[in-house]
Amino acid sequence: MTRPSRPALSFGIGTAVGTAGGLIGLGGAEFRLPALVGVLRFSAKEAVAVNLVASFIVLAAAFPFRAAAVPMAEIVPHLPAVLGMLAGAMSAAWVGAGWLRKTSDKLLGRLILILLVVLGLVLIAEGVFVVDPYRLVGEGLVPTVLVAAACGVLIGLVSSLLGVAGGELIIPVFVLLFGVDVKLAGSMSMLVGMPTIAVGLLRHFGTGSVLRERPVWRATILPMGAGSVLGAIMGALALGQIPSQALKIGLGVILIWSAWGVFRHLPPDSP
């Protein structure tokens, strides 16, 4: 597959996706994935690896601003849930990334399509149903850690398969199961997402990886990462202009439509 070397296009895609993500408080990795495959012509497996790097760049750049708005001291009472989820997510991300390297692009494309459609439906559901924080898990340390770790396993697998931080899943879990305020849940999500992505990246830097190609960094990863950071800032600044619930519904529909268009007819694996 011939990939276009267009840094300006990569920057533009990153900016557009980052703006959409910034408006709803996410990194936008789910929307980058169809663009990486459909526009920039990466294979499904290559797109996941590139998406992991871009996701990490966005989270690392956004975290200091998030920490200023939501003090880390507010997270301390919820550390058992954060650490439990982190343990499950990192373990699953390591296993999932290793399994990903042995998976054919055709099978991976089908899995990505299913997961993106599910995430699109999650976004739509979050936009339709506004749920106040309510703790469903018991207050004890043991149930908190066990439930968080079990949820983390699922999130780590999704992260390794899509190259995402998994905020669409992490935030609802913290809000619905552990009664955390949504803004605080966003910061807790970043604490889980960054180490989880880092673990996945360690498995993607092996011999023959697309991440070892310098032209990919120059033409795609760095411009897209810079555009994503800029877009996330722009989206955050414009946050009050558009109702977040309407945005989630609209972006959920777009995600399902774009994922279906890109991943339903992937080319066969190269010999």
Protein backbone atom coordinates (compact mmCIF):
# COMPACT_ATOMS: atom_id res chain seq x y z
CA MET A 1 0.00 0.00 0.00
CA THR A 2 1.44 3.39 -1.04
CA ARG A 3 1.16 6.01 1.67
CA PRO A 4 1.00 9.72 0.76
CA SER A 5 3.75 11.76 2.42
CA ARG A 6 1.82 14.92 3.25
CA PRO A 7 2.79 16.58 6.54
CA ALA A 8 0.26 19.39 5.99
CA LEU A 9 -2.55 16.86 5.50
CA SER A 10 -1.50 15.01 8.66
CA PHE A 11 -1.43 18.30 10.58
CA GLY A 12 -4.89 19.21 9.27
CA ILE A 13 -6.35 15.84 10.23
CA GLY A 14 -4.80 16.10 13.68
CA THR A 15 -6.20 19.60 14.17
CA ALA A 16 -9.72 18.66 13.09
CA VAL A 17 -9.78 15.51 15.19
CA GLY A 18 -8.17 17.26 18.17
CA THR A 19 -10.77 20.03 18.04
CA ALA A 20 -13.63 17.53 18.09
CA GLY A 21 -11.99 15.66 20.96
CA GLY A 22 -11.30 18.85 22.89
CA LEU A 23 -14.94 19.86 22.64
CA ILE A 24 -16.10 16.69 24.39
CA GLY A 25 -13.07 16.18 26.64
CA LEU A 26 -11.42 13.30 24.76
CA GLY A 27 -8.20 12.85 22.79
CA GLY A 28 -10.01 12.05 19.55
CA ALA A 29 -8.04 8.88 18.82
CA GLU A 30 -11.14 7.03 17.63
CA PHE A 31 -11.62 9.61 14.88
CA ARG A 32 -7.93 9.58 13.87
CA LEU A 33 -8.02 5.85 13.20
CA PRO A 34 -10.38 5.92 10.16
CA ALA A 35 -8.37 8.87 8.77
CA LEU A 36 -5.08 7.00 9.15
CA VAL A 37 -6.47 4.05 7.19
CA GLY A 38 -8.83 5.77 4.76
CA VAL A 39 -6.90 8.97 3.94
CA LEU A 40 -3.25 8.35 4.81
CA ARG A 41 -3.32 4.72 3.60
CA PHE A 42 -1.79 2.95 6.58
CA SER A 43 -2.67 -0.68 7.12
CA ALA A 44 -4.92 -1.38 10.10
CA LYS A 45 -1.99 -2.66 12.16
CA GLU A 46 0.23 0.31 11.28
CA ALA A 47 -2.60 2.74 12.02
CA VAL A 48 -3.01 1.37 15.54
CA ALA A 49 0.69 1.89 16.31
CA VAL A 50 0.72 5.43 14.89
CA ASN A 51 -2.50 6.23 16.76
CA LEU A 52 -0.95 5.13 20.05
CA VAL A 53 1.88 7.65 19.65
CA ALA A 54 -0.48 10.47 18.68
CA SER A 55 -2.76 9.63 21.62
CA PHE A 56 0.16 9.74 24.05
CA ILE A 57 1.34 13.10 22.69
CA VAL A 58 -2.12 14.62 23.14
CA LEU A 59 -2.55 13.31 26.69
CA ALA A 60 0.95 14.36 27.77
CA ALA A 61 0.42 17.87 26.39
CA ALA A 62 -3.05 18.25 27.91
CA PHE A 63 -2.30 16.83 31.35
CA PRO A 64 -0.55 19.92 32.83
CA PHE A 65 -3.53 22.11 31.86
CA ARG A 66 -5.92 19.54 33.28
CA ALA A 67 -3.94 19.35 36.52
CA ALA A 68 -4.23 23.13 36.90
CA ALA A 69 -8.00 23.00 36.52
CA VAL A 70 -8.58 19.87 38.62
CA PRO A 71 -6.11 19.67 41.58
CA MET A 72 -4.44 16.30 42.01
CA ALA A 73 -5.38 16.40 45.71
CA GLU A 74 -8.98 15.69 44.68
CA ILE A 75 -7.87 12.40 43.11
CA VAL A 76 -6.19 11.05 46.25
CA PRO A 77 -9.41 9.63 47.80
CA HIS A 78 -10.01 7.73 44.55
CA LEU A 79 -6.49 6.30 44.19
CA PRO A 80 -7.57 2.67 44.91
CA ALA A 81 -9.93 2.80 41.90
CA VAL A 82 -7.29 4.48 39.72
CA LEU A 83 -4.53 2.03 40.68
CA GLY A 84 -6.80 -0.99 40.35
CA MET A 85 -7.93 0.03 36.89
CA LEU A 86 -4.36 0.89 35.92
CA ALA A 87 -3.11 -2.57 36.95
CA GLY A 88 -5.78 -4.31 34.88
CA ALA A 89 -5.39 -1.98 31.89
CA MET A 90 -1.59 -2.20 31.71
CA SER A 91 -1.61 -6.00 31.96
CA ALA A 92 -4.23 -6.32 29.22
CA ALA A 93 -2.48 -3.74 27.02
CA TRP A 94 0.77 -5.74 27.17
CA VAL A 95 -0.98 -8.98 26.26
CA GLY A 96 -3.20 -7.32 23.65
CA ALA A 97 -0.32 -5.58 21.90
CA GLY A 98 1.57 -8.86 21.62
CA TRP A 99 -1.51 -10.59 20.22
CA LEU A 100 -2.03 -7.70 17.80
CA ARG A 101 1.34 -8.32 16.16
CA LYS A 102 0.24 -11.83 15.21
CA THR A 103 -3.19 -10.81 13.90
CA SER A 104 -3.95 -10.39 10.21
CA ASP A 105 -5.00 -6.96 8.97
CA LYS A 106 -8.29 -8.38 7.74
CA LEU A 107 -9.26 -9.79 11.14
CA LEU A 108 -7.95 -6.70 12.90
CA GLY A 109 -10.02 -4.48 10.61
CA ARG A 110 -13.18 -6.36 11.53
CA LEU A 111 -12.40 -6.09 15.24
CA ILE A 112 -11.69 -2.37 14.88
CA LEU A 113 -14.98 -1.86 13.05
CA ILE A 114 -16.92 -3.58 15.86
CA LEU A 115 -15.12 -1.64 18.60
CA LEU A 116 -15.50 1.74 16.86
CA VAL A 117 -19.22 1.14 16.32
CA VAL A 118 -19.57 0.22 20.01
CA LEU A 119 -17.69 3.38 21.05
CA GLY A 120 -19.89 5.42 18.71
CA LEU A 121 -22.97 3.99 20.39
CA VAL A 122 -21.46 4.77 23.81
CA LEU A 123 -20.98 8.41 22.76
CA ILE A 124 -24.57 8.61 21.53
CA ALA A 125 -25.85 7.03 24.76
CA GLU A 126 -23.84 9.51 26.85
CA GLY A 127 -25.34 12.33 24.80
CA VAL A 128 -28.91 11.10 25.20
CA PHE A 129 -28.80 10.01 28.84
CA VAL A 130 -27.37 12.49 31.32
CA VAL A 131 -26.62 10.51 34.46
CA ASP A 132 -25.63 12.05 37.78
CA PRO A 133 -22.71 10.43 39.64
CA TYR A 134 -23.88 7.55 41.81
CA ARG A 135 -21.61 4.96 43.39
CA LEU A 136 -22.71 1.41 42.64
CA VAL A 137 -19.59 -0.33 43.96
CA GLY A 138 -19.17 -0.88 47.71
CA GLU A 139 -17.00 1.54 49.65
CA GLY A 140 -14.48 -1.09 50.77
CA LEU A 141 -10.93 -1.21 49.44
CA VAL A 142 -11.15 -4.79 48.14
CA PRO A 143 -14.34 -4.43 46.03
CA THR A 144 -13.09 -1.09 44.69
CA VAL A 145 -9.77 -2.51 43.51
CA LEU A 146 -11.24 -5.74 42.12
CA VAL A 147 -14.03 -4.06 40.14
CA ALA A 148 -11.67 -1.36 38.85
CA ALA A 149 -9.10 -3.98 37.78
CA ALA A 150 -11.74 -6.01 35.95
CA CYS A 151 -12.89 -2.91 34.07
CA GLY A 152 -9.24 -2.06 33.39
CA VAL A 153 -8.70 -5.37 31.59
CA LEU A 154 -11.39 -4.51 29.05
CA ILE A 155 -10.07 -0.97 28.68
CA GLY A 156 -6.49 -2.17 28.18
CA LEU A 157 -7.58 -4.53 25.41
CA VAL A 158 -9.49 -1.75 23.66
CA SER A 159 -6.49 0.57 24.02
CA SER A 160 -4.07 -1.92 22.49
CA LEU A 161 -6.44 -2.80 19.63
CA LEU A 162 -7.38 0.77 18.67
CA GLY A 163 -4.40 2.81 19.82
CA VAL A 164 -6.59 4.91 22.10
CA ALA A 165 -6.53 6.07 25.70
CA GLY A 166 -10.02 4.66 26.25
CA GLY A 167 -11.51 7.76 27.85
CA GLU A 168 -14.96 6.99 26.42
CA LEU A 169 -14.99 3.86 28.58
CA ILE A 170 -12.91 4.98 31.56
CA ILE A 171 -14.91 8.13 32.32
CA PRO A 172 -18.35 6.42 32.38
CA VAL A 173 -16.93 3.65 34.61
CA PHE A 174 -15.64 6.16 37.16
CA VAL A 175 -18.89 8.15 37.03
CA LEU A 176 -21.42 5.30 37.02
CA LEU A 177 -19.66 2.73 39.20
CA PHE A 178 -17.60 4.85 41.58
CA GLY A 179 -19.70 8.04 41.82
CA VAL A 180 -16.93 10.38 40.62
CA ASP A 181 -17.73 13.85 39.23
CA VAL A 182 -17.32 13.88 35.46
CA LYS A 183 -14.56 16.53 35.43
CA LEU A 184 -12.58 14.67 38.06
CA ALA A 185 -13.19 11.42 36.17
CA GLY A 186 -11.58 13.03 33.11
CA SER A 187 -8.36 13.65 35.02
CA MET A 188 -8.43 10.17 36.52
CA SER A 189 -8.90 8.83 33.00
CA MET A 190 -5.68 10.49 31.87
CA LEU A 191 -3.77 8.93 34.77
CA VAL A 192 -4.95 5.51 33.59
CA GLY A 193 -4.61 6.23 29.88
CA MET A 194 -0.99 7.45 29.67
CA PRO A 195 0.71 4.46 31.35
CA THR A 196 -1.60 2.07 29.47
CA ILE A 197 -0.61 3.59 26.13
CA ALA A 198 3.07 3.54 27.14
CA VAL A 199 2.89 -0.20 27.81
CA GLY A 200 1.28 -0.81 24.43
CA LEU A 201 3.94 1.30 22.70
CA LEU A 202 6.74 -0.80 24.19
CA ARG A 203 5.35 -3.78 22.27
CA HIS A 204 5.02 -1.81 19.03
CA PHE A 205 8.66 -0.74 18.66
CA GLY A 206 9.93 -4.16 17.59
CA THR A 207 11.88 -4.94 14.44
CA GLY A 208 9.92 -4.10 11.30
CA SER A 209 7.53 -1.77 13.13
CA VAL A 210 6.19 1.25 11.26
CA LEU A 211 7.32 3.29 14.27
CA ARG A 212 10.94 2.62 13.28
CA GLU A 213 10.47 4.44 9.96
CA ARG A 214 11.78 8.01 10.20
CA PRO A 215 9.69 9.27 7.24
CA VAL A 216 6.55 8.20 9.11
CA TRP A 217 7.57 10.36 12.06
CA ARG A 218 8.41 13.36 9.88
CA ALA A 219 5.41 13.17 7.54
CA THR A 220 2.68 11.81 9.83
CA ILE A 221 3.26 11.31 13.55
CA LEU A 222 4.85 14.63 14.53
CA PRO A 223 2.61 16.85 12.31
CA MET A 224 -0.50 14.94 13.38
CA GLY A 225 0.52 15.09 17.04
CA ALA A 226 1.13 18.85 16.81
CA GLY A 227 -2.20 19.37 15.06
CA SER A 228 -3.99 17.22 17.64
CA VAL A 229 -2.57 19.27 20.52
CA LEU A 230 -3.51 22.54 18.80
CA GLY A 231 -7.00 21.23 18.02
CA ALA A 232 -7.52 19.99 21.58
CA ILE A 233 -6.69 23.47 22.90
CA MET A 234 -9.01 25.11 20.35
CA GLY A 235 -11.78 22.67 21.22
CA ALA A 236 -11.38 23.31 24.93
CA LEU A 237 -11.54 27.09 24.37
CA ALA A 238 -14.73 26.69 22.32
CA LEU A 239 -16.26 24.34 24.86
CA GLY A 240 -19.05 26.70 25.89
CA GLN A 241 -20.22 27.44 22.36
CA ILE A 242 -21.82 24.09 21.53
CA PRO A 243 -23.85 21.86 23.89
CA SER A 244 -21.65 18.89 24.82
CA GLN A 245 -24.57 16.45 24.74
CA ALA A 246 -25.43 17.39 21.13
CA LEU A 247 -21.75 17.09 20.22
CA LYS A 248 -21.51 13.58 21.61
CA ILE A 249 -24.54 12.44 19.63
CA GLY A 250 -23.28 14.02 16.41
CA LEU A 251 -19.73 12.74 16.80
CA GLY A 252 -21.00 9.27 17.71
CA VAL A 253 -22.97 9.14 14.45
CA ILE A 254 -19.94 10.41 12.49
CA LEU A 255 -17.69 7.81 14.13
CA ILE A 256 -20.01 4.93 13.22
CA TRP A 257 -20.44 6.22 9.66
CA SER A 258 -16.71 6.78 9.04
CA ALA A 259 -15.69 3.48 10.65
CA TRP A 260 -18.20 1.58 8.54
CA GLY A 261 -17.03 3.32 5.38
CA VAL A 262 -13.35 2.62 6.01
CA PHE A 263 -13.23 -0.79 7.67
CA ARG A 264 -16.01 -2.78 6.03
CA HIS A 265 -13.99 -3.28 2.83
CA LEU A 266 -10.36 -3.57 3.88
CA PRO A 267 -7.97 -4.90 1.23
CA PRO A 268 -6.77 -8.50 1.66
CA ASP A 269 -3.55 -9.15 3.54
CA SER A 270 -0.30 -8.78 1.62
CA PRO A 271 1.57 -12.07 1.05
